[in-house]
Amino acid sequence: MSLKDKNILLGISGGIAAYKIPILIRLLKKQGANVRVVVTEAATRFVTELTLSTLSQEPVCKDIFPDSFSTRDDWTRHISMGEWADAYAIAPATANTIAKLTAGVCDDMLSASFITLRPNKPRLIFPAMDGEMFSSASVQRNLSWLSQNGCTIINPESGDLASGQCGKGRMPEPEAIANIIDEAVKDKSHDSKLCGKSVVITAGPTREKIDDVRFISNYSSGKMGFALAAAAVARGAGVTLITGPVHLPTPDGVDRLDVESTEEMDLAAKQHYRSCDIFIGAAAVADYRPANHVAGKIKKNSKTMEINLVRNPDVLTGFSKQKTLHQLAVGFCLETEGNLQNAREKLTQKKLDLVAYNTFDGKTSGFEVDTNILTLIDKNLEIHELPLLSKKEAAERMLNVIEELISSDKKTSDE
């Protein structure tokens, strides 16, 4: 039971779904968790502090400054809360609270303890509000920022809402939330086939210089590669992340190498060919580069300009051509139109062990967005179709298939 003796911090903001939290506390306590609760002022309009403290068997915290200071810890409890917690779940998370967390405002215990939570500890955000509020540009922007900066966003469900309407916005039931918390605090590294493995991941775009101020590139954000890196580290792997120019924080525990061009990425990757167990080519490398890089800035002297392009090295193929029987090569195949055959051909031609196929639609899959729809094809031509998932969840599912390949390879070698 992964929740036994785990310290779970619950943050409750002012939404009607707060009525579900007493049931959640009882479920967590029954599974052996230690539970502390922090609330906003608005949350107490929906559920009382007496109820929450009775069920959690701990005082409920609301204000940064307590009414009295009985122990030394009372002076800095907003810090000790963050040090104590193994996971922080905010449920329900209202639009107002989400905005405060994004902006770094910490004017109550809920927001202050969010800031002080220690690195690598799961931050679980459960938005719950009217469907139109949830789909608003500001809420989606804030949730995207939180997701990119280490939080796990659990999207609300569809159903009857407090407004009397029916749609997306309902917080999951207490049993589902308890299961999500349980999964988040599990130490996956002990049981993972990736534990102790060396994993190299390329991510993001590359830039190919035309002159000193212009370049050829693409829209890759690096989110999928960074999600894979974070998930692999959580499973006990040693991860080297070779990334093109992106604006993403380095996942905790990951060794990051920043490059710009495809040639630089290729050179960096070659340093790890022999030592790595798994090579995942998630970068959207430029296939071509200008034949000649012009120093300075090309002047606008004519109505047209010709740029001669030459082929770049294929970073992933370079690895797969020299890999041993005990190394795995994993790639991606992005298309603008559905054509699974292209992915099969890439799998064969590049001698890959797994290829992740997806299409670019600019909304739910491909570059810059936070979600993906992947179809995984392994070297045995077995197909694993994944639904629309966050890139974090897609990374987890993809690593599950990689672990299956590791297990099957070990079984074959033992035989």
Foldseek 3Di string as FASTA:
>chain_A
DQQAAAEEEEEEEQDLLLVQVLVLLQVSVVVHHQYAYEYEPNNCVRPNQVSVCVSNVHHYFKALQDPDDPDPCSPPVLQVLLVRHLAYEYPAQELVNLVCLLVQNDGISNSSNSVNRDAPRAYEYFYADDPVRCPDPSNVVSVVSVVLVHYHYDFFDWAQDPVRDTGGGHTDHSVVVSVVNSVRSDQQQVVFPQAAFEEEEEFEKAWFAQEPPDTDIDQAQRLLRQLLQLLSVSNHHAYEYEYEDHDGDHRPRYHYHYDHALVRSLVVLVVCLVPGQEYEYHYPHDQKHFPDYHYDDDDPDDPDDDTDIDGDDDNQLVSLVPHDLRHFGEYEAEAQDDDCVVQVVCCVVSVHQKYWYFYDDPPQDDHPDQWHWTWMQGPVRDIDGDHIDGSNVVSVVVSVVVSVVNVVSVVVVVD
